[in-house]
Amino acid sequence: MKYLLFFPLLFLSLSVIAQSTTDYSVYLIGDAGEDTISGKGLLMLKEELLKNSNSTVVFLGDNVYPNGLKPTVLSALRLQSQLTILNEYRGKVYFIPGNHDWDGQKANGLYVLKNQEIFVDGYLKTTSIANKNDATFLPASGLPGPSSVMLNTTLRLITIDTQWFLHRHKKNKVGSKKQTEKLFYVHLDSLLNVAKQNNEQVIIAAHHPLYTNGQHSKSKQPFRFLINRTPLCVFGFAGLYRLYSQDMAQPKYKKMRKQMLCVFNKYSSIIYASGHDHNLQCLQEGSNKYIVSGAGSKLSKLCKKKKFDSIYQDDKKTGFVKIVYKNNGMHTTIVYRVGEEPKVINGF
C-alpha cells in the first residue's frame, strides 16, 4: 500500500518541478474591439495561444468600439470576436477596460462598463481557460484598482483602470474621489514593495501609455489650452473635452502619469504594458520598460518626431507582443505582426 501512495506523490512533485522550470508567456493585445469577426491579428493570436497553455493573455482595453458594450448586435459581435478565439485555450485570460469601454467617456460610462464586466466573466466561465472560476475582467466594479494576481509562483500581474482617473462623470469610489486616489497609490506602492521583497517579476497592465510616440503624445495646441484653461471649456460639454482628455498633455492625464511614475521610479525591472495608440512600441526609461501594444484591430501613425527614445516601433501591421519569462528572472520580448516572422527585441 505504501508504494501505491508513493507514485502519486512522486508524480505530483515532478509536476511542480516541471512547472517551476518552464518558461511562462504573457501575450499583450490592445484595442482589438473594432472587428465584428476575428481579424488577422486575433487569428494569429489564437494560433499562438492554442500552442501554449502555460501562459496568460491580457486584452489591454478598448475591447468594444466606439462606445462599449451596448444592447446592439454590432457591439456584441465586436466583443465576441475576441472571446471566441479563447474557447479552447487553457491558459489564463484577463480583460481590462479602456476609454471606449466607458461609453466613450460619456455620462453613462460606469453602467456600460459594468455590462461588459458581467458579459466577459459570464462568457469565459463556459470556456476551458485556467481561471474561468475567478474574475477575468479587472479591475472589477468600476474601481481603478490596482488589482493583483499571481500568474505563477514568481510572476505578478497588476491591472489598473487608467480611464477611471480621466473620467469626469459618475464612477465608483471608496469614500471620496480624493480618498480613492490616495488609497490607489498607497496600494500600488505596497504591491510593488511586496513583489520586491519576494523577488517577484512584475508586469503592470493598463490602457493608457505613460510613454508613447503615437498620436496621443501630440500637444494639439492651442485647442487644448482653450478647452481646458479658459471660459471656452464650456465646449467640453459638447464633446471636445472627450476628444482631448485622451492625450498625454491633458491636465488630468499629466497628473495621473506623474503620480504613477513617482511610484514606479522607486523600483526596477517593472514592465508597464498599455494600448491606446494603435501601433507597437517598446520603450525604456531607467530600469523599467514600457510597451504599447494597441494594434489588435486598428492602426494609427507614429509621430514623425519622436518624443521618447524607442527600442522598437511599428505602425504598419496589426499584431501583439509576447513576453517570455524565464525561471532565472530574465525575460524575452517578441513582437508578432500579421504576415511577418516574429521579431525578438534584443536587450528588451
Protein backbone atom coordinates (compact mmCIF):
# COMPACT_ATOMS: atom_id res chain seq x y z
CA MET A 1 0.00 0.00 0.00
CA LYS A 2 2.80 2.44 0.84
CA TYR A 3 4.22 2.01 -2.69
CA LEU A 4 0.84 2.85 -4.17
CA LEU A 5 0.90 6.12 -2.26
CA PHE A 6 4.49 6.85 -3.26
CA PHE A 7 3.95 7.05 -7.02
CA PRO A 8 1.17 9.70 -6.98
CA LEU A 9 3.33 11.83 -4.65
CA LEU A 10 6.32 11.40 -6.94
CA PHE A 11 4.24 12.37 -9.98
CA LEU A 12 2.92 15.47 -8.16
CA SER A 13 6.43 16.51 -7.14
CA LEU A 14 7.74 16.14 -10.67
CA SER A 15 4.80 18.19 -11.99
CA VAL A 16 5.55 21.03 -9.56
CA ILE A 17 9.25 20.97 -10.51
CA ALA A 18 8.39 20.99 -14.21
CA GLN A 19 6.05 23.97 -13.80
CA SER A 20 8.65 25.93 -11.85
CA THR A 21 11.34 25.41 -14.54
CA THR A 22 9.16 26.03 -17.60
CA ASP A 23 9.12 29.37 -19.39
CA TYR A 24 5.91 31.33 -18.88
CA SER A 25 4.48 33.56 -21.61
CA VAL A 26 2.30 36.67 -21.35
CA TYR A 27 0.52 37.84 -24.52
CA LEU A 28 -0.44 41.52 -24.74
CA ILE A 29 -3.02 42.80 -27.21
CA GLY A 30 -4.95 46.05 -27.06
CA ASP A 31 -7.62 47.95 -28.94
CA ALA A 32 -8.94 44.76 -30.52
CA GLY A 33 -12.60 45.83 -30.42
CA GLU A 34 -13.08 47.08 -33.98
CA ASP A 35 -13.76 43.90 -35.96
CA THR A 36 -17.13 42.12 -35.89
CA ILE A 37 -15.40 38.86 -36.81
CA SER A 38 -11.93 37.84 -35.69
CA GLY A 39 -9.40 39.71 -37.83
CA LYS A 40 -5.95 38.53 -38.90
CA GLY A 41 -4.28 39.76 -35.71
CA LEU A 42 -6.73 37.91 -33.46
CA LEU A 43 -6.49 34.74 -35.55
CA MET A 44 -2.69 34.86 -35.30
CA LEU A 45 -3.03 35.26 -31.54
CA LYS A 46 -5.43 32.30 -31.39
CA GLU A 47 -2.92 30.10 -33.17
CA GLU A 48 -0.22 31.05 -30.66
CA LEU A 49 -2.46 30.57 -27.62
CA LEU A 50 -3.52 27.08 -28.65
CA LYS A 51 0.15 26.08 -28.83
CA ASN A 52 0.99 27.43 -25.37
CA SER A 53 -1.30 26.80 -22.41
CA ASN A 54 1.43 27.75 -19.92
CA SER A 55 0.60 31.39 -20.50
CA THR A 56 -1.69 34.36 -19.91
CA VAL A 57 -3.28 36.71 -22.43
CA VAL A 58 -4.19 40.27 -21.43
CA PHE A 59 -6.58 42.40 -23.53
CA LEU A 60 -5.45 45.97 -22.88
CA GLY A 61 -8.73 47.84 -23.22
CA ASP A 62 -10.94 49.39 -25.89
CA ASN A 63 -12.48 45.96 -26.22
CA VAL A 64 -15.61 47.37 -27.88
CA TYR A 65 -15.62 50.35 -30.23
CA PRO A 66 -16.90 53.01 -30.26
CA ASN A 67 -18.94 53.19 -27.03
CA GLY A 68 -18.52 49.95 -25.14
CA LEU A 69 -20.94 47.05 -24.86
CA LYS A 70 -24.37 48.42 -25.73
CA PRO A 71 -27.54 46.35 -26.37
CA THR A 72 -26.77 46.21 -30.09
CA VAL A 73 -25.73 43.36 -32.35
CA LEU A 74 -22.63 45.19 -33.60
CA SER A 75 -21.15 45.86 -30.15
CA ALA A 76 -21.80 42.26 -29.07
CA LEU A 77 -20.11 40.93 -32.21
CA ARG A 78 -17.07 43.15 -31.62
CA LEU A 79 -16.58 41.71 -28.16
CA GLN A 80 -17.32 38.14 -29.25
CA SER A 81 -14.69 38.39 -31.99
CA GLN A 82 -12.14 38.37 -29.16
CA LEU A 83 -13.89 35.98 -26.80
CA THR A 84 -14.45 33.22 -29.36
CA ILE A 85 -10.72 32.77 -30.02
CA LEU A 86 -10.43 31.71 -26.36
CA ASN A 87 -12.95 28.85 -26.45
CA GLU A 88 -10.30 26.10 -26.46
CA TYR A 89 -7.47 27.99 -24.77
CA ARG A 90 -6.28 26.54 -21.44
CA GLY A 91 -4.18 29.39 -20.11
CA LYS A 92 -5.33 32.46 -18.16
CA VAL A 93 -7.28 35.40 -19.57
CA TYR A 94 -7.75 38.96 -18.35
CA PHE A 95 -9.62 41.88 -19.93
CA ILE A 96 -9.03 45.42 -18.71
CA PRO A 97 -11.09 48.50 -19.67
CA GLY A 98 -10.16 51.40 -21.91
CA ASN A 99 -11.78 54.77 -22.50
CA HIS A 100 -14.16 53.46 -25.19
CA ASP A 101 -15.38 50.76 -22.80
CA TRP A 102 -16.59 53.59 -20.53
CA ASP A 103 -19.19 54.51 -23.17
CA GLY A 104 -16.56 56.54 -25.00
CA GLN A 105 -16.05 58.75 -21.90
CA LYS A 106 -19.74 59.65 -21.75
CA ALA A 107 -22.02 60.10 -18.73
CA ASN A 108 -23.35 56.53 -18.84
CA GLY A 109 -19.86 55.06 -18.79
CA LEU A 110 -20.00 53.25 -15.46
CA TYR A 111 -23.20 51.40 -16.39
CA VAL A 112 -21.83 50.37 -19.81
CA LEU A 113 -18.57 49.25 -18.23
CA LYS A 114 -20.35 47.01 -15.73
CA ASN A 115 -22.32 45.40 -18.56
CA GLN A 116 -19.06 44.41 -20.23
CA GLU A 117 -17.64 43.04 -16.99
CA ILE A 118 -20.70 40.82 -16.46
CA PHE A 119 -20.66 39.64 -20.09
CA VAL A 120 -16.93 38.81 -20.16
CA ASP A 121 -16.93 36.99 -16.81
CA GLY A 122 -20.05 35.05 -17.80
CA TYR A 123 -18.79 34.04 -21.22
CA LEU A 124 -15.37 32.90 -20.04
CA LYS A 125 -16.92 30.65 -17.38
CA THR A 126 -18.16 28.47 -20.26
CA THR A 127 -14.66 28.02 -21.75
CA SER A 128 -11.62 25.90 -20.87
CA ILE A 129 -9.43 28.74 -19.54
CA ALA A 130 -7.49 28.13 -16.34
CA ASN A 131 -9.06 31.00 -14.36
CA LYS A 132 -12.67 30.63 -15.53
CA ASN A 133 -13.92 30.42 -11.94
CA ASP A 134 -12.18 33.65 -10.94
CA ALA A 135 -12.61 37.26 -12.05
CA THR A 136 -11.43 37.78 -15.60
CA PHE A 137 -12.40 41.45 -16.05
CA LEU A 138 -10.06 43.54 -13.91
CA PRO A 139 -10.08 45.87 -12.10
CA ALA A 140 -13.65 44.96 -11.13
CA SER A 141 -16.67 47.07 -10.21
CA GLY A 142 -15.64 50.29 -11.95
CA LEU A 143 -12.82 50.98 -9.48
CA PRO A 144 -9.29 51.98 -10.54
CA GLY A 145 -7.59 49.02 -8.86
CA PRO A 146 -4.80 48.19 -8.56
CA SER A 147 -5.80 44.52 -8.79
CA SER A 148 -3.10 41.92 -8.31
CA VAL A 149 -2.97 38.24 -9.30
CA MET A 150 -0.10 35.77 -9.31
CA LEU A 151 0.27 34.18 -12.74
CA ASN A 152 2.70 31.63 -11.34
CA THR A 153 4.80 31.42 -8.19
CA THR A 154 7.15 34.25 -9.20
CA LEU A 155 5.22 36.41 -11.69
CA ARG A 156 2.76 39.07 -10.53
CA LEU A 157 0.25 40.82 -12.81
CA ILE A 158 -1.10 44.18 -11.62
CA THR A 159 -4.04 45.67 -13.54
CA ILE A 160 -5.10 49.33 -13.50
CA ASP A 161 -8.14 51.09 -14.95
CA THR A 162 -6.50 54.32 -16.07
CA GLN A 163 -9.73 55.70 -17.57
CA TRP A 164 -11.09 55.99 -14.02
CA PHE A 165 -8.66 58.88 -13.43
CA LEU A 166 -9.71 60.68 -16.63
CA HIS A 167 -13.46 60.07 -16.46
CA ARG A 168 -15.34 63.23 -15.48
CA HIS A 169 -18.72 61.57 -14.92
CA LYS A 170 -20.05 59.12 -12.32
CA LYS A 171 -17.61 56.44 -11.18
CA ASN A 172 -17.33 54.10 -8.22
CA LYS A 173 -15.34 55.39 -5.26
CA VAL A 174 -14.12 54.31 -1.85
CA GLY A 175 -15.37 57.25 0.17
CA SER A 176 -14.49 60.34 -1.85
CA LYS A 177 -12.66 60.59 -5.17
CA LYS A 178 -9.66 62.10 -3.38
CA GLN A 179 -9.59 59.27 -0.85
CA THR A 180 -9.89 56.66 -3.62
CA GLU A 181 -6.90 58.14 -5.47
CA LYS A 182 -4.83 58.25 -2.28
CA LEU A 183 -5.64 54.63 -1.44
CA PHE A 184 -4.83 53.61 -5.02
CA TYR A 185 -1.27 54.94 -4.93
CA VAL A 186 -0.64 53.60 -1.42
CA HIS A 187 -1.85 50.15 -2.50
CA LEU A 188 0.19 50.26 -5.73
CA ASP A 189 3.35 51.14 -3.83
CA SER A 190 2.63 48.39 -1.30
CA LEU A 191 2.15 45.75 -4.02
CA LEU A 192 5.42 46.70 -5.71
CA ASN A 193 7.23 46.64 -2.38
CA VAL A 194 5.89 43.15 -1.60
CA ALA A 195 6.95 41.98 -5.05
CA LYS A 196 10.44 43.39 -4.47
CA GLN A 197 10.75 41.70 -1.08
CA ASN A 198 9.61 38.36 -2.56
CA ASN A 199 11.89 38.71 -5.61
CA GLU A 200 8.90 38.54 -7.97
CA GLN A 201 8.77 39.65 -11.59
CA VAL A 202 6.09 42.30 -12.18
CA ILE A 203 4.05 43.24 -15.22
CA ILE A 204 1.55 46.11 -14.96
CA ALA A 205 -1.29 46.23 -17.50
CA ALA A 206 -3.34 49.35 -18.20
CA HIS A 207 -4.90 51.06 -21.19
CA HIS A 208 -3.21 54.46 -21.30
CA PRO A 209 0.55 54.62 -22.01
CA LEU A 210 2.97 56.55 -19.85
CA TYR A 211 5.47 56.78 -22.70
CA THR A 212 4.45 56.78 -26.38
CA ASN A 213 5.47 58.20 -29.73
CA GLY A 214 1.95 57.76 -31.04
CA GLN A 215 -0.80 60.26 -31.81
CA HIS A 216 -1.77 60.63 -28.15
CA SER A 217 1.63 62.18 -27.40
CA LYS A 218 0.87 65.24 -29.55
CA SER A 219 0.32 68.60 -27.87
CA LYS A 220 -2.55 69.71 -30.15
CA GLN A 221 -2.29 73.31 -29.02
CA PRO A 222 -3.86 75.88 -28.94
CA PHE A 223 -7.15 73.97 -28.85
CA ARG A 224 -6.31 72.11 -25.65
CA PHE A 225 -5.46 75.34 -23.86
CA LEU A 226 -8.73 76.91 -24.95
CA ILE A 227 -10.79 73.89 -23.87
CA ASN A 228 -9.05 73.32 -20.53
CA ARG A 229 -7.80 76.69 -19.35
CA THR A 230 -10.28 79.38 -20.48
CA PRO A 231 -14.05 80.01 -20.25
CA LEU A 232 -14.28 78.18 -23.57
CA CYS A 233 -14.11 74.98 -21.52
CA VAL A 234 -17.90 75.09 -21.85
CA PHE A 235 -17.32 73.48 -25.27
CA GLY A 236 -16.08 70.44 -23.40
CA PHE A 237 -19.68 69.58 -22.75
CA ALA A 238 -20.24 69.47 -26.49
CA GLY A 239 -17.73 66.64 -26.84
CA LEU A 240 -14.40 68.41 -27.34
CA TYR A 241 -13.29 67.54 -23.82
CA ARG A 242 -13.76 63.84 -24.57
CA LEU A 243 -11.51 64.22 -27.60
CA TYR A 244 -8.65 65.97 -25.82
CA SER A 245 -8.90 64.18 -22.47
CA GLN A 246 -7.23 61.13 -24.00
CA ASP A 247 -3.92 62.80 -24.82
CA MET A 248 -0.86 62.90 -22.57
CA ALA A 249 -0.79 66.71 -22.46
CA GLN A 250 -4.28 66.94 -20.92
CA PRO A 251 -4.09 68.08 -17.26
CA LYS A 252 -5.72 65.01 -15.68
CA TYR A 253 -3.63 62.67 -17.82
CA LYS A 254 -0.46 64.57 -16.92
CA LYS A 255 -1.29 64.35 -13.22
CA MET A 256 -2.02 60.61 -13.39
CA ARG A 257 1.18 59.94 -15.34
CA LYS A 258 3.33 61.97 -12.95
CA GLN A 259 1.97 60.22 -9.85
CA MET A 260 2.33 56.74 -11.34
CA LEU A 261 5.88 57.37 -12.46
CA CYS A 262 6.74 58.65 -8.98
CA VAL A 263 5.77 55.21 -7.67
CA PHE A 264 7.33 53.17 -10.49
CA ASN A 265 10.64 55.02 -10.33
CA LYS A 266 11.18 53.73 -6.80
CA TYR A 267 11.50 50.22 -8.23
CA SER A 268 13.33 48.45 -11.03
CA SER A 269 12.63 45.82 -13.69
CA ILE A 270 8.93 46.67 -13.98
CA ILE A 271 7.18 46.16 -17.31
CA TYR A 272 4.24 48.51 -17.94
CA ALA A 273 2.05 47.39 -20.85
CA SER A 274 -0.64 49.53 -22.47
CA GLY A 275 -2.65 50.06 -25.64
CA HIS A 276 -4.48 53.28 -26.64
CA ASP A 277 -2.14 54.17 -29.52
CA HIS A 278 -2.83 51.75 -32.37
CA ASN A 279 0.71 50.58 -33.02
CA LEU A 280 3.52 48.55 -31.45
CA GLN A 281 6.25 50.21 -29.38
CA CYS A 282 8.95 49.16 -26.93
CA LEU A 283 10.44 51.98 -24.87
CA GLN A 284 12.77 52.02 -21.88
CA GLU A 285 13.13 54.68 -19.22
CA GLY A 286 15.64 54.00 -16.48
CA SER A 287 15.47 50.35 -15.46
CA ASN A 288 11.76 49.98 -16.31
CA LYS A 289 10.26 49.03 -19.66
CA TYR A 290 7.14 50.44 -21.34
CA ILE A 291 5.22 48.57 -24.03
CA VAL A 292 2.47 49.90 -26.28
CA SER A 293 0.55 47.03 -27.88
CA GLY A 294 -2.55 48.69 -29.29
CA ALA A 295 -2.56 47.18 -32.79
CA GLY A 296 -5.16 44.47 -32.15
CA SER A 297 -7.59 45.62 -34.83
CA LYS A 298 -6.70 49.20 -35.82
CA LEU A 299 -3.63 51.16 -36.87
CA SER A 300 -2.59 54.77 -36.26
CA LYS A 301 0.56 56.54 -37.39
CA LEU A 302 3.53 57.15 -35.18
CA CYS A 303 4.63 60.76 -34.89
CA LYS A 304 7.36 61.76 -37.33
CA LYS A 305 9.25 63.40 -34.49
CA LYS A 306 9.87 61.03 -31.59
CA LYS A 307 9.03 62.38 -28.17
CA PHE A 308 10.70 59.45 -26.40
CA ASP A 309 13.60 57.19 -27.39
CA SER A 310 12.27 53.82 -28.55
CA ILE A 311 13.97 50.46 -28.90
CA TYR A 312 11.33 49.31 -31.37
CA GLN A 313 8.26 50.82 -33.00
CA ASP A 314 5.99 49.91 -35.93
CA ASP A 315 2.69 51.23 -37.25
CA LYS A 316 2.32 49.23 -40.47
CA LYS A 317 0.80 45.90 -39.35
CA THR A 318 -1.69 44.74 -36.73
CA GLY A 319 -0.31 42.37 -34.11
CA PHE A 320 0.62 41.88 -30.47
CA VAL A 321 3.53 41.48 -28.07
CA LYS A 322 4.63 38.37 -26.21
CA ILE A 323 6.88 38.34 -23.14
CA VAL A 324 8.56 35.05 -22.26
CA TYR A 325 9.54 34.92 -18.59
CA LYS A 326 12.42 32.64 -17.69
CA ASN A 327 12.72 30.86 -14.37
CA ASN A 328 16.11 32.58 -13.83
CA GLY A 329 14.47 36.02 -13.59
CA MET A 330 15.20 37.03 -17.19
CA HIS A 331 12.67 37.64 -19.95
CA THR A 332 12.48 37.93 -23.74
CA THR A 333 10.16 40.29 -25.65
CA ILE A 334 8.82 39.17 -29.02
CA VAL A 335 6.67 41.23 -31.41
CA TYR A 336 4.18 39.47 -33.69
CA ARG A 337 2.94 41.25 -36.82
CA VAL A 338 0.47 39.90 -39.35
CA GLY A 339 2.27 38.40 -42.34
CA GLU A 340 5.71 38.67 -40.73
CA GLU A 341 8.00 36.38 -38.78
CA PRO A 342 8.05 37.08 -35.02
CA LYS A 343 10.76 39.57 -34.09
CA VAL A 344 12.81 39.21 -30.90
CA ILE A 345 13.58 42.65 -29.43
CA ASN A 346 17.19 42.32 -28.33
CA GLY A 347 18.05 43.84 -24.98
CA PHE A 348 14.44 44.49 -24.03
